Amino acid sequence: MNERVARLRRKSIEAVPCVSAERAQFVTQFYKENVYKYSIPVLRALNFKHLCEKKTLYIGEDELIVGERGPSPKAVPTFPELTCHSVEDLKILDSRPMTRYAVSRKR
């Protein structure tokens, strides 16, 4: 294994899986501003466009193949248009012993 791959592997192993609220914030903002302006199919398409324009694109140092689901390695986005997570759900994700996802305390 060369040095670059070893660094990438180490970063991947050390990254903590977490829940990212970024996508949920963008979707919520978009729907609050546009909910009755368009038909549902057009609204969904415009929301997707909005997400593509606003989403953080993570490109890590040393990476040749890039792309993350969220704004950082192992950051998992939430989908409020599909599932509404309660505060209790987020507490469980943050505290379960297996497959834990860190949840930020920021509002």
PDB file of N, CA and C in Angstrom:
ATOM      1  N   MET A   1       0.860  -1.173   0.000  1.00  0.00           N
ATOM      2  CA  MET A   1       0.000   0.000   0.000  1.00  0.00           C
ATOM      3  C   MET A   1       0.905   1.234   0.000  1.00  0.00           C
ATOM      4  N   ASN A   2       0.671   2.154  -0.953  1.00  0.00           N
ATOM      5  CA  ASN A   2       1.520   3.346  -0.994  1.00  0.00           C
ATOM      6  C   ASN A   2       1.084   4.358   0.073  1.00  0.00           C
ATOM      7  N   GLU A   3       1.872   5.424   0.244  1.00  0.00           N
ATOM      8  CA  GLU A   3       1.612   6.391   1.325  1.00  0.00           C
ATOM      9  C   GLU A   3       0.279   7.099   1.168  1.00  0.00           C
ATOM     10  N   ARG A   4      -0.087   7.467  -0.065  1.00  0.00           N
ATOM     11  CA  ARG A   4      -1.343   8.171  -0.306  1.00  0.00           C
ATOM     12  C   ARG A   4      -2.530   7.297   0.102  1.00  0.00           C
ATOM     13  N   VAL A   5      -2.517   6.045  -0.315  1.00  0.00           N
ATOM     14  CA  VAL A   5      -3.600   5.123   0.012  1.00  0.00           C
ATOM     15  C   VAL A   5      -3.637   4.867   1.515  1.00  0.00           C
ATOM     16  N   ALA A   6      -2.489   4.770   2.138  1.00  0.00           N
ATOM     17  CA  ALA A   6      -2.441   4.570   3.591  1.00  0.00           C
ATOM     18  C   ALA A   6      -3.058   5.768   4.319  1.00  0.00           C
ATOM     19  N   ARG A   7      -2.767   6.992   3.846  1.00  0.00           N
ATOM     20  CA  ARG A   7      -3.361   8.190   4.457  1.00  0.00           C
ATOM     21  C   ARG A   7      -4.878   8.189   4.287  1.00  0.00           C
ATOM     22  N   LEU A   8      -5.331   7.863   3.087  1.00  0.00           N
ATOM     23  CA  LEU A   8      -6.777   7.828   2.833  1.00  0.00           C
ATOM     24  C   LEU A   8      -7.461   6.772   3.689  1.00  0.00           C
ATOM     25  N   ARG A   9      -6.824   5.622   3.815  1.00  0.00           N
ATOM     26  CA  ARG A   9      -7.393   4.541   4.634  1.00  0.00           C
ATOM     27  C   ARG A   9      -7.488   4.977   6.096  1.00  0.00           C
ATOM     28  N   ARG A  10      -6.436   5.607   6.592  1.00  0.00           N
ATOM     29  CA  ARG A  10      -6.415   6.073   7.981  1.00  0.00           C
ATOM     30  C   ARG A  10      -7.519   7.111   8.210  1.00  0.00           C
ATOM     31  N   LYS A  11      -7.670   8.060   7.272  1.00  0.00           N
ATOM     32  CA  LYS A  11      -8.724   9.076   7.394  1.00  0.00           C
ATOM     33  C   LYS A  11     -10.109   8.432   7.405  1.00  0.00           C
ATOM     34  N   SER A  12     -10.291   7.429   6.566  1.00  0.00           N
ATOM     35  CA  SER A  12     -11.580   6.745   6.490  1.00  0.00           C
ATOM     36  C   SER A  12     -11.896   6.014   7.785  1.00  0.00           C
ATOM     37  N   ILE A  13     -10.910   5.343   8.329  1.00  0.00           N
ATOM     38  CA  ILE A  13     -11.116   4.594   9.577  1.00  0.00           C
ATOM     39  C   ILE A  13     -11.376   5.540  10.748  1.00  0.00           C
ATOM     40  N   GLU A  14     -10.687   6.699  10.760  1.00  0.00           N
ATOM     41  CA  GLU A  14     -10.814   7.649  11.871  1.00  0.00           C
ATOM     42  C   GLU A  14     -12.070   8.509  11.784  1.00  0.00           C
ATOM     43  N   ALA A  15     -12.658   8.636  10.601  1.00  0.00           N
ATOM     44  CA  ALA A  15     -13.865   9.471  10.456  1.00  0.00           C
ATOM     45  C   ALA A  15     -15.016   8.865  11.253  1.00  0.00           C
ATOM     46  N   VAL A  16     -15.727   9.720  11.954  1.00  0.00           N
ATOM     47  CA  VAL A  16     -16.844   9.282  12.781  1.00  0.00           C
ATOM     48  C   VAL A  16     -18.137   9.430  11.981  1.00  0.00           C
ATOM     49  N   PRO A  17     -18.912   8.360  11.838  1.00  0.00           N
ATOM     50  CA  PRO A  17     -20.201   8.483  11.151  1.00  0.00           C
ATOM     51  C   PRO A  17     -21.096   9.474  11.901  1.00  0.00           C
ATOM     52  N   CYS A  18     -21.747  10.351  11.152  1.00  0.00           N
ATOM     53  CA  CYS A  18     -22.603  11.350  11.786  1.00  0.00           C
ATOM     54  C   CYS A  18     -23.801  11.668  10.899  1.00  0.00           C
ATOM     55  N   VAL A  19     -24.791  12.292  11.510  1.00  0.00           N
ATOM     56  CA  VAL A  19     -25.969  12.740  10.786  1.00  0.00           C
ATOM     57  C   VAL A  19     -25.743  14.198  10.407  1.00  0.00           C
ATOM     58  N   SER A  20     -25.947  14.518   9.142  1.00  0.00           N
ATOM     59  CA  SER A  20     -25.815  15.893   8.671  1.00  0.00           C
ATOM     60  C   SER A  20     -27.207  16.480   8.451  1.00  0.00           C
ATOM     61  N   ALA A  21     -27.441  17.646   9.015  1.00  0.00           N
ATOM     62  CA  ALA A  21     -28.729  18.323   8.854  1.00  0.00           C
ATOM     63  C   ALA A  21     -28.739  19.232   7.626  1.00  0.00           C
ATOM     64  N   GLU A  22     -27.625  19.328   6.918  1.00  0.00           N
ATOM     65  CA  GLU A  22     -27.525  20.271   5.799  1.00  0.00           C
ATOM     66  C   GLU A  22     -28.658  20.084   4.786  1.00  0.00           C
ATOM     67  N   ARG A  23     -28.855  18.881   4.298  1.00  0.00           N
ATOM     68  CA  ARG A  23     -29.870  18.617   3.283  1.00  0.00           C
ATOM     69  C   ARG A  23     -31.259  18.951   3.815  1.00  0.00           C
ATOM     70  N   ALA A  24     -31.541  18.547   5.038  1.00  0.00           N
ATOM     71  CA  ALA A  24     -32.850  18.818   5.637  1.00  0.00           C
ATOM     72  C   ALA A  24     -33.104  20.315   5.746  1.00  0.00           C
ATOM     73  N   GLN A  25     -32.087  21.079   6.076  1.00  0.00           N
ATOM     74  CA  GLN A  25     -32.242  22.533   6.176  1.00  0.00           C
ATOM     75  C   GLN A  25     -32.546  23.149   4.815  1.00  0.00           C
ATOM     76  N   PHE A  26     -31.843  22.700   3.780  1.00  0.00           N
ATOM     77  CA  PHE A  26     -32.087  23.228   2.438  1.00  0.00           C
ATOM     78  C   PHE A  26     -33.490  22.874   1.941  1.00  0.00           C
ATOM     79  N   VAL A  27     -33.904  21.623   2.159  1.00  0.00           N
ATOM     80  CA  VAL A  27     -35.227  21.183   1.715  1.00  0.00           C
ATOM     81  C   VAL A  27     -36.321  21.955   2.457  1.00  0.00           C
ATOM     82  N   THR A  28     -36.181  22.078   3.768  1.00  0.00           N
ATOM     83  CA  THR A  28     -37.176  22.790   4.569  1.00  0.00           C
ATOM     84  C   THR A  28     -37.291  24.242   4.122  1.00  0.00           C
ATOM     85  N   GLN A  29     -36.156  24.896   3.946  1.00  0.00           N
ATOM     86  CA  GLN A  29     -36.148  26.287   3.491  1.00  0.00           C
ATOM     87  C   GLN A  29     -36.849  26.412   2.136  1.00  0.00           C
ATOM     88  N   PHE A  30     -36.505  25.523   1.206  1.00  0.00           N
ATOM     89  CA  PHE A  30     -37.080  25.588  -0.136  1.00  0.00           C
ATOM     90  C   PHE A  30     -38.603  25.412  -0.094  1.00  0.00           C
ATOM     91  N   TYR A  31     -39.073  24.394   0.619  1.00  0.00           N
ATOM     92  CA  TYR A  31     -40.510  24.138   0.659  1.00  0.00           C
ATOM     93  C   TYR A  31     -41.265  25.262   1.378  1.00  0.00           C
ATOM     94  N   LYS A  32     -40.689  25.843   2.421  1.00  0.00           N
ATOM     95  CA  LYS A  32     -41.346  26.966   3.103  1.00  0.00           C
ATOM     96  C   LYS A  32     -41.547  28.136   2.146  1.00  0.00           C
ATOM     97  N   GLU A  33     -40.586  28.366   1.284  1.00  0.00           N
ATOM     98  CA  GLU A  33     -40.641  29.502   0.364  1.00  0.00           C
ATOM     99  C   GLU A  33     -41.469  29.225  -0.894  1.00  0.00           C
ATOM    100  N   ASN A  34     -41.685  27.953  -1.255  1.00  0.00           N
ATOM    101  CA  ASN A  34     -42.269  27.644  -2.553  1.00  0.00           C
ATOM    102  C   ASN A  34     -43.462  26.706  -2.558  1.00  0.00           C
ATOM    103  N   VAL A  35     -43.966  26.306  -1.419  1.00  0.00           N
ATOM    104  CA  VAL A  35     -44.926  25.209  -1.343  1.00  0.00           C
ATOM    105  C   VAL A  35     -46.178  25.384  -2.207  1.00  0.00           C
ATOM    106  N   TYR A  36     -46.731  26.546  -2.325  1.00  0.00           N
ATOM    107  CA  TYR A  36     -47.972  26.699  -3.096  1.00  0.00           C
ATOM    108  C   TYR A  36     -47.763  27.378  -4.447  1.00  0.00           C
ATOM    109  N   LYS A  37     -46.531  27.544  -4.855  1.00  0.00           N
ATOM    110  CA  LYS A  37     -46.233  28.260  -6.099  1.00  0.00           C
ATOM    111  C   LYS A  37     -46.265  27.368  -7.340  1.00  0.00           C
ATOM    112  N   TYR A  38     -46.065  26.058  -7.162  1.00  0.00           N
ATOM    113  CA  TYR A  38     -45.907  25.153  -8.302  1.00  0.00           C
ATOM    114  C   TYR A  38     -46.671  23.851  -8.058  1.00  0.00           C
ATOM    115  N   SER A  39     -46.876  23.097  -9.118  1.00  0.00           N
ATOM    116  CA  SER A  39     -47.450  21.761  -8.974  1.00  0.00           C
ATOM    117  C   SER A  39     -46.424  20.885  -8.240  1.00  0.00           C
ATOM    118  N   ILE A  40     -46.878  19.783  -7.680  1.00  0.00           N
ATOM    119  CA  ILE A  40     -45.992  18.896  -6.907  1.00  0.00           C
ATOM    120  C   ILE A  40     -44.807  18.393  -7.744  1.00  0.00           C
ATOM    121  N   PRO A  41     -45.010  17.903  -8.973  1.00  0.00           N
ATOM    122  CA  PRO A  41     -43.859  17.439  -9.754  1.00  0.00           C
ATOM    123  C   PRO A  41     -42.834  18.554 -10.030  1.00  0.00           C
ATOM    124  N   VAL A  42     -43.327  19.734 -10.341  1.00  0.00           N
ATOM    125  CA  VAL A  42     -42.417  20.861 -10.606  1.00  0.00           C
ATOM    126  C   VAL A  42     -41.718  21.274  -9.312  1.00  0.00           C
ATOM    127  N   LEU A  43     -42.447  21.290  -8.218  1.00  0.00           N
ATOM    128  CA  LEU A  43     -41.862  21.635  -6.919  1.00  0.00           C
ATOM    129  C   LEU A  43     -40.727  20.676  -6.562  1.00  0.00           C
ATOM    130  N   ARG A  44     -40.938  19.391  -6.778  1.00  0.00           N
ATOM    131  CA  ARG A  44     -39.894  18.400  -6.478  1.00  0.00           C
ATOM    132  C   ARG A  44     -38.674  18.595  -7.374  1.00  0.00           C
ATOM    133  N   ALA A  45     -38.917  18.875  -8.638  1.00  0.00           N
ATOM    134  CA  ALA A  45     -37.808  19.108  -9.569  1.00  0.00           C
ATOM    135  C   ALA A  45     -37.028  20.358  -9.175  1.00  0.00           C
ATOM    136  N   LEU A  46     -37.728  21.417  -8.820  1.00  0.00           N
ATOM    137  CA  LEU A  46     -37.049  22.652  -8.408  1.00  0.00           C
ATOM    138  C   LEU A  46     -36.301  22.468  -7.089  1.00  0.00           C
ATOM    139  N   ASN A  47     -36.863  21.650  -6.202  1.00  0.00           N
ATOM    140  CA  ASN A  47     -36.159  21.343  -4.956  1.00  0.00           C
ATOM    141  C   ASN A  47     -34.851  20.611  -5.245  1.00  0.00           C
ATOM    142  N   PHE A  48     -34.897  19.654  -6.167  1.00  0.00           N
ATOM    143  CA  PHE A  48     -33.676  18.931  -6.542  1.00  0.00           C
ATOM    144  C   PHE A  48     -32.643  19.905  -7.119  1.00  0.00           C
ATOM    145  N   LYS A  49     -33.081  20.802  -7.972  1.00  0.00           N
ATOM    146  CA  LYS A  49     -32.181  21.824  -8.537  1.00  0.00           C
ATOM    147  C   LYS A  49     -31.574  22.673  -7.416  1.00  0.00           C
ATOM    148  N   HIS A  50     -32.416  23.083  -6.471  1.00  0.00           N
ATOM    149  CA  HIS A  50     -31.959  23.879  -5.325  1.00  0.00           C
ATOM    150  C   HIS A  50     -30.882  23.126  -4.534  1.00  0.00           C
ATOM    151  N   LEU A  51     -31.135  21.835  -4.283  1.00  0.00           N
ATOM    152  CA  LEU A  51     -30.150  21.016  -3.564  1.00  0.00           C
ATOM    153  C   LEU A  51     -28.831  20.927  -4.327  1.00  0.00           C
ATOM    154  N   CYS A  52     -28.904  20.728  -5.635  1.00  0.00           N
ATOM    155  CA  CYS A  52     -27.689  20.632  -6.451  1.00  0.00           C
ATOM    156  C   CYS A  52     -26.886  21.925  -6.404  1.00  0.00           C
ATOM    157  N   GLU A  53     -27.567  23.047  -6.315  1.00  0.00           N
ATOM    158  CA  GLU A  53     -26.891  24.343  -6.271  1.00  0.00           C
ATOM    159  C   GLU A  53     -26.299  24.663  -4.905  1.00  0.00           C
ATOM    160  N   LYS A  54     -26.910  24.167  -3.838  1.00  0.00           N
ATOM    161  CA  LYS A  54     -26.527  24.548  -2.473  1.00  0.00           C
ATOM    162  C   LYS A  54     -25.659  23.539  -1.732  1.00  0.00           C
ATOM    163  N   LYS A  55     -25.778  22.270  -2.057  1.00  0.00           N
ATOM    164  CA  LYS A  55     -25.112  21.201  -1.312  1.00  0.00           C
ATOM    165  C   LYS A  55     -23.601  21.396  -1.269  1.00  0.00           C
ATOM    166  N   THR A  56     -23.011  21.115  -0.124  1.00  0.00           N
ATOM    167  CA  THR A  56     -21.564  21.132   0.021  1.00  0.00           C
ATOM    168  C   THR A  56     -20.973  19.954  -0.739  1.00  0.00           C
ATOM    169  N   LEU A  57     -19.994  20.226  -1.570  1.00  0.00           N
ATOM    170  CA  LEU A  57     -19.299  19.164  -2.292  1.00  0.00           C
ATOM    171  C   LEU A  57     -17.960  18.941  -1.614  1.00  0.00           C
ATOM    172  N   TYR A  58     -17.787  17.778  -1.057  1.00  0.00           N
ATOM    173  CA  TYR A  58     -16.541  17.455  -0.360  1.00  0.00           C
ATOM    174  C   TYR A  58     -15.575  16.776  -1.321  1.00  0.00           C
ATOM    175  N   ILE A  59     -14.397  17.361  -1.455  1.00  0.00           N
ATOM    176  CA  ILE A  59     -13.319  16.747  -2.227  1.00  0.00           C
ATOM    177  C   ILE A  59     -12.108  16.731  -1.302  1.00  0.00           C
ATOM    178  N   GLY A  60     -11.773  15.560  -0.816  1.00  0.00           N
ATOM    179  CA  GLY A  60     -10.690  15.428   0.149  1.00  0.00           C
ATOM    180  C   GLY A  60      -9.316  15.420  -0.493  1.00  0.00           C
ATOM    181  N   GLU A  61      -8.358  15.857   0.282  1.00  0.00           N
ATOM    182  CA  GLU A  61      -6.967  15.842  -0.162  1.00  0.00           C
ATOM    183  C   GLU A  61      -6.544  14.405  -0.469  1.00  0.00           C
ATOM    184  N   ASP A  62      -5.803  14.218  -1.511  1.00  0.00           N
ATOM    185  CA  ASP A  62      -5.277  12.913  -1.946  1.00  0.00           C
ATOM    186  C   ASP A  62      -6.293  12.048  -2.677  1.00  0.00           C
ATOM    187  N   GLU A  63      -7.568  12.450  -2.742  1.00  0.00           N
ATOM    188  CA  GLU A  63      -8.577  11.607  -3.365  1.00  0.00           C
ATOM    189  C   GLU A  63      -8.535  11.714  -4.888  1.00  0.00           C
ATOM    190  N   LEU A  64      -8.646  10.580  -5.550  1.00  0.00           N
ATOM    191  CA  LEU A  64      -8.736  10.541  -7.007  1.00  0.00           C
ATOM    192  C   LEU A  64     -10.171  10.276  -7.438  1.00  0.00           C
ATOM    193  N   ILE A  65     -10.906   9.563  -6.621  1.00  0.00           N
ATOM    194  CA  ILE A  65     -12.333   9.324  -6.832  1.00  0.00           C
ATOM    195  C   ILE A  65     -13.037  10.068  -5.715  1.00  0.00           C
ATOM    196  N   VAL A  66     -13.919  10.995  -6.087  1.00  0.00           N
ATOM    197  CA  VAL A  66     -14.533  11.848  -5.070  1.00  0.00           C
ATOM    198  C   VAL A  66     -16.038  11.639  -5.023  1.00  0.00           C
ATOM    199  N   GLY A  67     -16.613  12.053  -3.916  1.00  0.00           N
ATOM    200  CA  GLY A  67     -18.055  12.007  -3.760  1.00  0.00           C
ATOM    201  C   GLY A  67     -18.436  11.457  -2.402  1.00  0.00           C
ATOM    202  N   GLU A  68     -19.201  12.221  -1.697  1.00  0.00           N
ATOM    203  CA  GLU A  68     -19.719  11.828  -0.386  1.00  0.00           C
ATOM    204  C   GLU A  68     -21.213  12.086  -0.372  1.00  0.00           C
ATOM    205  N   ARG A  69     -21.948  11.349   0.424  1.00  0.00           N
ATOM    206  CA  ARG A  69     -23.389  11.567   0.544  1.00  0.00           C
ATOM    207  C   ARG A  69     -23.681  12.897   1.220  1.00  0.00           C
ATOM    208  N   GLY A  70     -22.856  13.254   2.186  1.00  0.00           N
ATOM    209  CA  GLY A  70     -23.052  14.488   2.943  1.00  0.00           C
ATOM    210  C   GLY A  70     -21.890  15.438   2.757  1.00  0.00           C
ATOM    211  N   PRO A  71     -21.806  16.462   3.595  1.00  0.00           N
ATOM    212  CA  PRO A  71     -20.786  17.494   3.443  1.00  0.00           C
ATOM    213  C   PRO A  71     -19.387  17.100   3.906  1.00  0.00           C
ATOM    214  N   SER A  72     -19.240  15.911   4.468  1.00  0.00           N
ATOM    215  CA  SER A  72     -17.936  15.439   4.916  1.00  0.00           C
ATOM    216  C   SER A  72     -17.941  13.911   4.908  1.00  0.00           C
ATOM    217  N   PRO A  73     -16.757  13.298   5.045  1.00  0.00           N
ATOM    218  CA  PRO A  73     -16.722  11.830   5.053  1.00  0.00           C
ATOM    219  C   PRO A  73     -17.604  11.243   6.162  1.00  0.00           C
ATOM    220  N   LYS A  74     -18.344  10.231   5.805  1.00  0.00           N
ATOM    221  CA  LYS A  74     -19.239   9.497   6.701  1.00  0.00           C
ATOM    222  C   LYS A  74     -20.356  10.355   7.301  1.00  0.00           C
ATOM    223  N   ALA A  75     -20.651  11.506   6.681  1.00  0.00           N
ATOM    224  CA  ALA A  75     -21.793  12.326   7.104  1.00  0.00           C
ATOM    225  C   ALA A  75     -23.005  11.883   6.291  1.00  0.00           C
ATOM    226  N   VAL A  76     -24.040  11.453   6.973  1.00  0.00           N
ATOM    227  CA  VAL A  76     -25.234  10.908   6.329  1.00  0.00           C
ATOM    228  C   VAL A  76     -26.332  11.969   6.336  1.00  0.00           C
ATOM    229  N   PRO A  77     -26.878  12.310   5.163  1.00  0.00           N
ATOM    230  CA  PRO A  77     -27.943  13.317   5.132  1.00  0.00           C
ATOM    231  C   PRO A  77     -29.273  12.752   5.609  1.00  0.00           C
ATOM    232  N   THR A  78     -30.167  13.652   5.985  1.00  0.00           N
ATOM    233  CA  THR A  78     -31.522  13.254   6.340  1.00  0.00           C
ATOM    234  C   THR A  78     -32.465  13.709   5.230  1.00  0.00           C
ATOM    235  N   PHE A  79     -33.598  13.042   5.124  1.00  0.00           N
ATOM    236  CA  PHE A  79     -34.560  13.295   4.061  1.00  0.00           C
ATOM    237  C   PHE A  79     -35.912  13.629   4.680  1.00  0.00           C
ATOM    238  N   PRO A  80     -36.158  14.883   5.054  1.00  0.00           N
ATOM    239  CA  PRO A  80     -37.398  15.219   5.744  1.00  0.00           C
ATOM    240  C   PRO A  80     -38.646  15.002   4.894  1.00  0.00           C
ATOM    241  N   GLU A  81     -38.505  14.993   3.573  1.00  0.00           N
ATOM    242  CA  GLU A  81     -39.667  14.761   2.723  1.00  0.00           C
ATOM    243  C   GLU A  81     -40.078  13.288   2.716  1.00  0.00           C
ATOM    244  N   LEU A  82     -39.213  12.406   3.234  1.00  0.00           N
ATOM    245  CA  LEU A  82     -39.517  10.977   3.312  1.00  0.00           C
ATOM    246  C   LEU A  82     -39.740  10.497   4.739  1.00  0.00           C
ATOM    247  N   THR A  83     -38.900  10.967   5.661  1.00  0.00           N
ATOM    248  CA  THR A  83     -38.958  10.513   7.041  1.00  0.00           C
ATOM    249  C   THR A  83     -38.719  11.682   7.978  1.00  0.00           C
ATOM    250  N   CYS A  84     -39.605  11.874   8.915  1.00  0.00           N
ATOM    251  CA  CYS A  84     -39.417  12.918   9.927  1.00  0.00           C
ATOM    252  C   CYS A  84     -38.848  12.260  11.180  1.00  0.00           C
ATOM    253  N   HIS A  85     -37.636  12.614  11.523  1.00  0.00           N
ATOM    254  CA  HIS A  85     -37.010  12.056  12.714  1.00  0.00           C
ATOM    255  C   HIS A  85     -37.381  12.895  13.929  1.00  0.00           C
ATOM    256  N   SER A  86     -37.751  12.230  14.986  1.00  0.00           N
ATOM    257  CA  SER A  86     -38.038  12.924  16.235  1.00  0.00           C
ATOM    258  C   SER A  86     -36.729  13.151  16.985  1.00  0.00           C
ATOM    259  N   VAL A  87     -36.789  13.968  18.000  1.00  0.00           N
ATOM    260  CA  VAL A  87     -35.621  14.194  18.853  1.00  0.00           C
ATOM    261  C   VAL A  87     -35.186  12.872  19.467  1.00  0.00           C
ATOM    262  N   GLU A  88     -36.140  12.040  19.835  1.00  0.00           N
ATOM    263  CA  GLU A  88     -35.823  10.726  20.410  1.00  0.00           C
ATOM    264  C   GLU A  88     -35.081   9.848  19.401  1.00  0.00           C
ATOM    265  N   ASP A  89     -35.505   9.877  18.136  1.00  0.00           N
ATOM    266  CA  ASP A  89     -34.799   9.114  17.086  1.00  0.00           C
ATOM    267  C   ASP A  89     -33.333   9.534  17.015  1.00  0.00           C
ATOM    268  N   LEU A  90     -33.104  10.834  17.046  1.00  0.00           N
ATOM    269  CA  LEU A  90     -31.733  11.347  16.943  1.00  0.00           C
ATOM    270  C   LEU A  90     -30.912  10.967  18.178  1.00  0.00           C
ATOM    271  N   LYS A  91     -31.542  10.969  19.336  1.00  0.00           N
ATOM    272  CA  LYS A  91     -30.845  10.543  20.570  1.00  0.00           C
ATOM    273  C   LYS A  91     -30.436   9.078  20.461  1.00  0.00           C
ATOM    274  N   ILE A  92     -31.321   8.251  19.915  1.00  0.00           N
ATOM    275  CA  ILE A  92     -31.019   6.823  19.761  1.00  0.00           C
ATOM    276  C   ILE A  92     -29.862   6.643  18.782  1.00  0.00           C
ATOM    277  N   LEU A  93     -29.905   7.331  17.650  1.00  0.00           N
ATOM    278  CA  LEU A  93     -28.805   7.238  16.676  1.00  0.00           C
ATOM    279  C   LEU A  93     -27.478   7.643  17.302  1.00  0.00           C
ATOM    280  N   ASP A  94     -27.517   8.656  18.150  1.00  0.00           N
ATOM    281  CA  ASP A  94     -26.305   9.187  18.769  1.00  0.00           C
ATOM    282  C   ASP A  94     -25.763   8.308  19.888  1.00  0.00           C
ATOM    283  N   SER A  95     -26.614   7.494  20.487  1.00  0.00           N
ATOM    284  CA  SER A  95     -26.171   6.757  21.676  1.00  0.00           C
ATOM    285  C   SER A  95     -26.106   5.242  21.524  1.00  0.00           C
ATOM    286  N   ARG A  96     -26.618   4.694  20.436  1.00  0.00           N
ATOM    287  CA  ARG A  96     -26.620   3.234  20.328  1.00  0.00           C
ATOM    288  C   ARG A  96     -25.194   2.698  20.189  1.00  0.00           C
ATOM    289  N   PRO A  97     -24.930   1.541  20.776  1.00  0.00           N
ATOM    290  CA  PRO A  97     -23.564   1.010  20.801  1.00  0.00           C
ATOM    291  C   PRO A  97     -23.075   0.489  19.438  1.00  0.00           C
ATOM    292  N   MET A  98     -23.979  -0.023  18.629  1.00  0.00           N
ATOM    293  CA  MET A  98     -23.592  -0.545  17.314  1.00  0.00           C
ATOM    294  C   MET A  98     -24.091   0.428  16.246  1.00  0.00           C
ATOM    295  N   THR A  99     -23.280   0.679  15.249  1.00  0.00           N
ATOM    296  CA  THR A  99     -23.622   1.562  14.143  1.00  0.00           C
ATOM    297  C   THR A  99     -24.154   2.901  14.642  1.00  0.00           C
ATOM    298  N   ARG A 100     -23.347   3.559  15.437  1.00  0.00           N
ATOM    299  CA  ARG A 100     -23.696   4.857  16.009  1.00  0.00           C
ATOM    300  C   ARG A 100     -23.482   5.955  14.965  1.00  0.00           C
ATOM    301  N   TYR A 101     -24.366   6.949  14.958  1.00  0.00           N
ATOM    302  CA  TYR A 101     -24.218   8.137  14.135  1.00  0.00           C
ATOM    303  C   TYR A 101     -24.231   9.347  15.066  1.00  0.00           C
ATOM    304  N   ALA A 102     -23.125  10.065  15.113  1.00  0.00           N
ATOM    305  CA  ALA A 102     -23.042  11.245  15.969  1.00  0.00           C
ATOM    306  C   ALA A 102     -24.041  12.284  15.488  1.00  0.00           C
ATOM    307  N   VAL A 103     -24.720  12.920  16.442  1.00  0.00           N
ATOM    308  CA  VAL A 103     -25.690  13.966  16.117  1.00  0.00           C
ATOM    309  C   VAL A 103     -25.227  15.234  16.791  1.00  0.00           C
ATOM    310  N   SER A 104     -25.078  16.290  16.013  1.00  0.00           N
ATOM    311  CA  SER A 104     -24.631  17.568  16.539  1.00  0.00           C
ATOM    312  C   SER A 104     -25.671  18.143  17.489  1.00  0.00           C
ATOM    313  N   ARG A 105     -25.216  18.808  18.504  1.00  0.00           N
ATOM    314  CA  ARG A 105     -26.123  19.446  19.471  1.00  0.00           C
ATOM    315  C   ARG A 105     -26.524  20.848  19.020  1.00  0.00           C
ATOM    316  N   LYS A 106     -25.907  21.337  17.928  1.00  0.00           N
ATOM    317  CA  LYS A 106     -26.217  22.679  17.418  1.00  0.00           C
ATOM    318  C   LYS A 106     -27.635  22.739  16.884  1.00  0.00           C
ATOM    319  N   ARG A 107     -28.204  23.896  16.925  1.00  0.00           N
ATOM    320  CA  ARG A 107     -29.545  24.105  16.350  1.00  0.00           C
ATOM    321  C   ARG A 107     -29.444  24.904  15.110  1.00  0.00           C
TER     322      ARG A 107
END
